[in-house]
Each structure stands twice: as structure tokens, then as C-alpha cells.
Amino acid sequence: MGLLRIPRQDGQEGFVLVHIAPLAQKAAATLDVKILATEGSAPFALTLKQNQIQKLKSKKAPCTDSEWEAILEVILLQQESDPE
């Protein structure tokens, strides 16, 4: 998958480094991933499961569930977006 370098948004200079890797499970879904991140001083780790991603979407989000899934795939998996 890959490594993302995201500019900090908290007024401090620098970046957050994010490593995304697929879960090593036979029946893992596309968005079943392990996310490791750091802003340089503290590590963060989480496991994202595709069947739980709707809980991360705001109820006020102007996108459908399938659009939300596509957004996460484009950002986290660095996949090309489908213009449709």
C-alpha cells in the first residue's frame, strides 16, 4: 500500500507520516488495513475494518456510503478515482 506524508494542520510545522498495510488475513476486505502514524514524537496505531467504516462518516456528510468507501480507497490505498 504505502506511505503518506500529510502536512500538519495544528499550526506546527512538519508532517504526519502514515504507513498503511493490508491485514494479513485470508478473507480481508480491501479496506481492512493497519495504520501506523507519527508526527515525530508519538506513534499512533489502529486497525481499520471495512465493515466498520460507516461509523467514521459524519451523519451530515454529503456523500453516500459507497462514495465514502471510494474516498477512503483513493486516500488510504492511493487508488485512482472513478469519475462516475
N, C-alpha and C. Protein backbone atom coordinates (compact mmCIF):
# COMPACT_ATOMS: atom_id res chain seq x y z
N MET A 1 0.85 -1.16 0.00
CA MET A 1 0.00 0.00 0.00
C MET A 1 0.89 1.22 0.00
N GLY A 2 1.25 1.72 1.15
CA GLY A 2 2.14 2.84 1.01
C GLY A 2 2.34 3.70 2.24
N LEU A 3 3.03 4.78 1.97
CA LEU A 3 3.38 5.76 2.98
C LEU A 3 2.83 7.10 2.54
N LEU A 4 2.12 7.76 3.44
CA LEU A 4 1.58 9.09 3.16
C LEU A 4 2.32 10.11 4.01
N ARG A 5 2.54 11.28 3.44
CA ARG A 5 3.17 12.40 4.14
C ARG A 5 2.15 13.53 4.12
N ILE A 6 1.54 13.80 5.27
CA ILE A 6 0.43 14.74 5.35
C ILE A 6 0.87 15.97 6.15
N PRO A 7 0.73 17.18 5.57
CA PRO A 7 1.09 18.39 6.32
C PRO A 7 0.26 18.51 7.60
N ARG A 8 0.90 18.93 8.68
CA ARG A 8 0.19 19.13 9.95
C ARG A 8 -0.79 20.29 9.80
N GLN A 9 -1.92 20.19 10.49
CA GLN A 9 -2.95 21.21 10.44
C GLN A 9 -3.16 21.88 11.80
N ASP A 10 -2.23 21.67 12.72
CA ASP A 10 -2.40 22.19 14.08
C ASP A 10 -1.55 23.42 14.36
N GLY A 11 -1.08 24.08 13.31
CA GLY A 11 -0.28 25.29 13.50
C GLY A 11 1.21 25.03 13.65
N GLN A 12 1.60 23.78 13.80
CA GLN A 12 3.01 23.46 13.90
C GLN A 12 3.54 23.07 12.53
N GLU A 13 4.81 23.35 12.32
CA GLU A 13 5.42 22.95 11.05
C GLU A 13 5.69 21.45 11.07
N GLY A 14 5.80 20.89 9.89
CA GLY A 14 6.13 19.48 9.79
C GLY A 14 5.00 18.66 9.18
N PHE A 15 5.17 17.36 9.29
CA PHE A 15 4.26 16.43 8.64
C PHE A 15 3.90 15.29 9.58
N VAL A 16 2.82 14.63 9.25
CA VAL A 16 2.46 13.37 9.88
C VAL A 16 2.78 12.29 8.86
N LEU A 17 3.55 11.30 9.26
CA LEU A 17 3.85 10.18 8.38
C LEU A 17 2.90 9.04 8.71
N VAL A 18 2.28 8.49 7.68
CA VAL A 18 1.28 7.44 7.86
C VAL A 18 1.66 6.25 6.98
N HIS A 19 1.80 5.08 7.60
CA HIS A 19 2.07 3.85 6.86
C HIS A 19 0.81 3.00 6.88
N ILE A 20 0.38 2.55 5.71
CA ILE A 20 -0.83 1.76 5.58
C ILE A 20 -0.46 0.42 4.97
N ALA A 21 -0.89 -0.67 5.64
CA ALA A 21 -0.58 -2.01 5.16
C ALA A 21 -1.82 -2.89 5.27
N PRO A 22 -2.01 -3.79 4.30
CA PRO A 22 -3.17 -4.69 4.38
C PRO A 22 -3.05 -5.63 5.57
N LEU A 23 -4.20 -6.01 6.12
CA LEU A 23 -4.19 -7.01 7.18
C LEU A 23 -3.84 -8.36 6.58
N ALA A 24 -3.06 -9.12 7.28
CA ALA A 24 -2.63 -10.44 6.79
C ALA A 24 -3.67 -11.49 7.16
N GLN A 25 -4.82 -11.39 6.53
CA GLN A 25 -5.89 -12.36 6.76
C GLN A 25 -6.41 -12.82 5.41
N LYS A 26 -6.76 -14.09 5.31
CA LYS A 26 -7.22 -14.62 4.03
C LYS A 26 -8.48 -13.93 3.53
N ALA A 27 -9.42 -13.67 4.40
CA ALA A 27 -10.70 -13.09 3.98
C ALA A 27 -10.75 -11.58 4.21
N ALA A 28 -9.60 -10.92 4.24
CA ALA A 28 -9.56 -9.48 4.49
C ALA A 28 -10.17 -8.72 3.32
N ALA A 29 -10.99 -7.73 3.64
CA ALA A 29 -11.59 -6.86 2.62
C ALA A 29 -10.57 -5.80 2.20
N THR A 30 -10.86 -5.10 1.13
CA THR A 30 -9.95 -4.10 0.58
C THR A 30 -9.51 -3.07 1.62
N LEU A 31 -10.46 -2.58 2.42
CA LEU A 31 -10.14 -1.55 3.41
C LEU A 31 -9.87 -2.12 4.81
N ASP A 32 -9.56 -3.39 4.90
CA ASP A 32 -9.08 -3.96 6.16
C ASP A 32 -7.58 -3.71 6.20
N VAL A 33 -7.19 -2.64 6.90
CA VAL A 33 -5.79 -2.22 6.89
C VAL A 33 -5.31 -1.88 8.29
N LYS A 34 -4.01 -1.95 8.46
CA LYS A 34 -3.35 -1.50 9.68
C LYS A 34 -2.72 -0.15 9.36
N ILE A 35 -2.97 0.82 10.21
CA ILE A 35 -2.46 2.18 10.01
C ILE A 35 -1.52 2.52 11.16
N LEU A 36 -0.30 2.89 10.81
CA LEU A 36 0.69 3.34 11.77
C LEU A 36 1.06 4.77 11.39
N ALA A 37 1.09 5.67 12.38
CA ALA A 37 1.38 7.06 12.07
C ALA A 37 2.20 7.70 13.19
N THR A 38 2.90 8.77 12.83
CA THR A 38 3.62 9.57 13.82
C THR A 38 3.76 10.99 13.31
N GLU A 39 3.74 11.93 14.25
CA GLU A 39 4.01 13.32 13.91
C GLU A 39 5.43 13.67 14.32
N GLY A 40 6.18 12.68 14.74
CA GLY A 40 7.57 12.87 15.08
C GLY A 40 7.88 12.62 16.54
N SER A 41 6.86 12.66 17.39
CA SER A 41 7.14 12.43 18.81
C SER A 41 6.35 11.28 19.41
N ALA A 42 5.18 11.00 18.88
CA ALA A 42 4.37 9.92 19.44
C ALA A 42 3.84 9.03 18.31
N PRO A 43 3.87 7.71 18.51
CA PRO A 43 3.31 6.81 17.50
C PRO A 43 1.81 6.59 17.73
N PHE A 44 1.12 6.34 16.66
CA PHE A 44 -0.30 6.02 16.70
C PHE A 44 -0.51 4.76 15.87
N ALA A 45 -1.36 3.87 16.32
CA ALA A 45 -1.64 2.64 15.58
C ALA A 45 -3.12 2.32 15.68
N LEU A 46 -3.67 1.87 14.56
CA LEU A 46 -5.06 1.43 14.58
C LEU A 46 -5.28 0.43 13.46
N THR A 47 -6.33 -0.35 13.63
CA THR A 47 -6.74 -1.29 12.60
C THR A 47 -8.08 -0.82 12.08
N LEU A 48 -8.17 -0.62 10.78
CA LEU A 48 -9.40 -0.20 10.13
C LEU A 48 -10.03 -1.43 9.48
N LYS A 49 -11.30 -1.65 9.76
CA LYS A 49 -12.04 -2.77 9.16
C LYS A 49 -13.10 -2.19 8.24
N GLN A 50 -13.17 -2.71 7.03
CA GLN A 50 -14.10 -2.19 6.03
C GLN A 50 -15.55 -2.22 6.52
N ASN A 51 -15.92 -3.23 7.28
CA ASN A 51 -17.30 -3.32 7.74
C ASN A 51 -17.63 -2.32 8.85
N GLN A 52 -16.65 -1.51 9.25
CA GLN A 52 -16.85 -0.50 10.29
C GLN A 52 -16.69 0.93 9.78
N ILE A 53 -16.39 1.12 8.49
CA ILE A 53 -16.06 2.46 8.00
C ILE A 53 -17.24 3.43 8.05
N GLN A 54 -18.47 2.93 8.00
CA GLN A 54 -19.62 3.84 8.04
C GLN A 54 -19.70 4.57 9.38
N LYS A 55 -19.15 3.98 10.43
CA LYS A 55 -19.14 4.63 11.75
C LYS A 55 -18.23 5.85 11.77
N LEU A 56 -17.29 5.93 10.83
CA LEU A 56 -16.35 7.05 10.76
C LEU A 56 -16.89 8.22 9.96
N LYS A 57 -17.95 8.01 9.23
CA LYS A 57 -18.53 9.06 8.38
C LYS A 57 -19.50 9.90 9.20
N SER A 58 -19.39 11.21 9.07
CA SER A 58 -20.31 12.12 9.75
C SER A 58 -21.72 11.91 9.23
N LYS A 59 -22.69 12.02 10.10
CA LYS A 59 -24.09 11.91 9.68
C LYS A 59 -24.48 13.04 8.73
N LYS A 60 -23.73 14.14 8.78
CA LYS A 60 -24.00 15.29 7.93
C LYS A 60 -23.18 15.26 6.63
N ALA A 61 -22.41 14.22 6.43
CA ALA A 61 -21.57 14.13 5.23
C ALA A 61 -22.43 14.12 3.98
N PRO A 62 -22.04 14.91 2.97
CA PRO A 62 -22.84 14.99 1.74
C PRO A 62 -22.53 13.89 0.74
N CYS A 63 -22.13 12.72 1.22
CA CYS A 63 -21.81 11.62 0.30
C CYS A 63 -22.55 10.36 0.73
N THR A 64 -22.74 9.48 -0.23
CA THR A 64 -23.38 8.20 0.05
C THR A 64 -22.36 7.27 0.70
N ASP A 65 -22.83 6.14 1.20
CA ASP A 65 -21.92 5.16 1.79
C ASP A 65 -20.90 4.65 0.78
N SER A 66 -21.34 4.42 -0.46
CA SER A 66 -20.41 3.93 -1.48
C SER A 66 -19.40 5.02 -1.87
N GLU A 67 -19.84 6.27 -1.88
CA GLU A 67 -18.90 7.37 -2.15
C GLU A 67 -17.87 7.49 -1.03
N TRP A 68 -18.31 7.32 0.22
CA TRP A 68 -17.41 7.36 1.37
C TRP A 68 -16.36 6.26 1.25
N GLU A 69 -16.79 5.07 0.88
CA GLU A 69 -15.85 3.96 0.70
C GLU A 69 -14.84 4.30 -0.40
N ALA A 70 -15.31 4.87 -1.49
CA ALA A 70 -14.43 5.25 -2.60
C ALA A 70 -13.43 6.33 -2.16
N ILE A 71 -13.88 7.28 -1.35
CA ILE A 71 -13.00 8.34 -0.85
C ILE A 71 -11.87 7.72 -0.03
N LEU A 72 -12.22 6.81 0.86
CA LEU A 72 -11.19 6.16 1.69
C LEU A 72 -10.22 5.34 0.84
N GLU A 73 -10.73 4.67 -0.19
CA GLU A 73 -9.85 3.89 -1.06
C GLU A 73 -8.87 4.80 -1.80
N VAL A 74 -9.35 5.94 -2.29
CA VAL A 74 -8.47 6.87 -3.01
C VAL A 74 -7.39 7.42 -2.08
N ILE A 75 -7.79 7.81 -0.87
CA ILE A 75 -6.83 8.42 0.06
C ILE A 75 -5.90 7.38 0.68
N LEU A 76 -6.47 6.35 1.28
CA LEU A 76 -5.66 5.39 2.03
C LEU A 76 -4.91 4.40 1.15
N LEU A 77 -5.56 3.95 0.09
CA LEU A 77 -4.95 2.94 -0.78
C LEU A 77 -4.29 3.55 -2.00
N GLN A 78 -4.45 4.87 -2.15
CA GLN A 78 -3.87 5.62 -3.27
C GLN A 78 -4.31 5.04 -4.61
N GLN A 79 -5.60 4.70 -4.68
CA GLN A 79 -6.17 4.17 -5.91
C GLN A 79 -6.71 5.32 -6.76
N GLU A 80 -6.78 5.10 -8.04
CA GLU A 80 -7.37 6.07 -8.95
C GLU A 80 -8.86 6.16 -8.68
N SER A 81 -9.41 7.36 -8.75
CA SER A 81 -10.85 7.51 -8.54
C SER A 81 -11.59 7.27 -9.85
N ASP A 82 -12.80 6.76 -9.73
CA ASP A 82 -13.67 6.53 -10.87
C ASP A 82 -14.48 7.80 -11.08
N PRO A 83 -14.37 8.46 -12.24
CA PRO A 83 -15.07 9.73 -12.45
C PRO A 83 -16.59 9.61 -12.41
N GLU A 84 -17.12 8.42 -12.48
CA GLU A 84 -18.57 8.23 -12.45
C GLU A 84 -18.99 8.40 -11.07
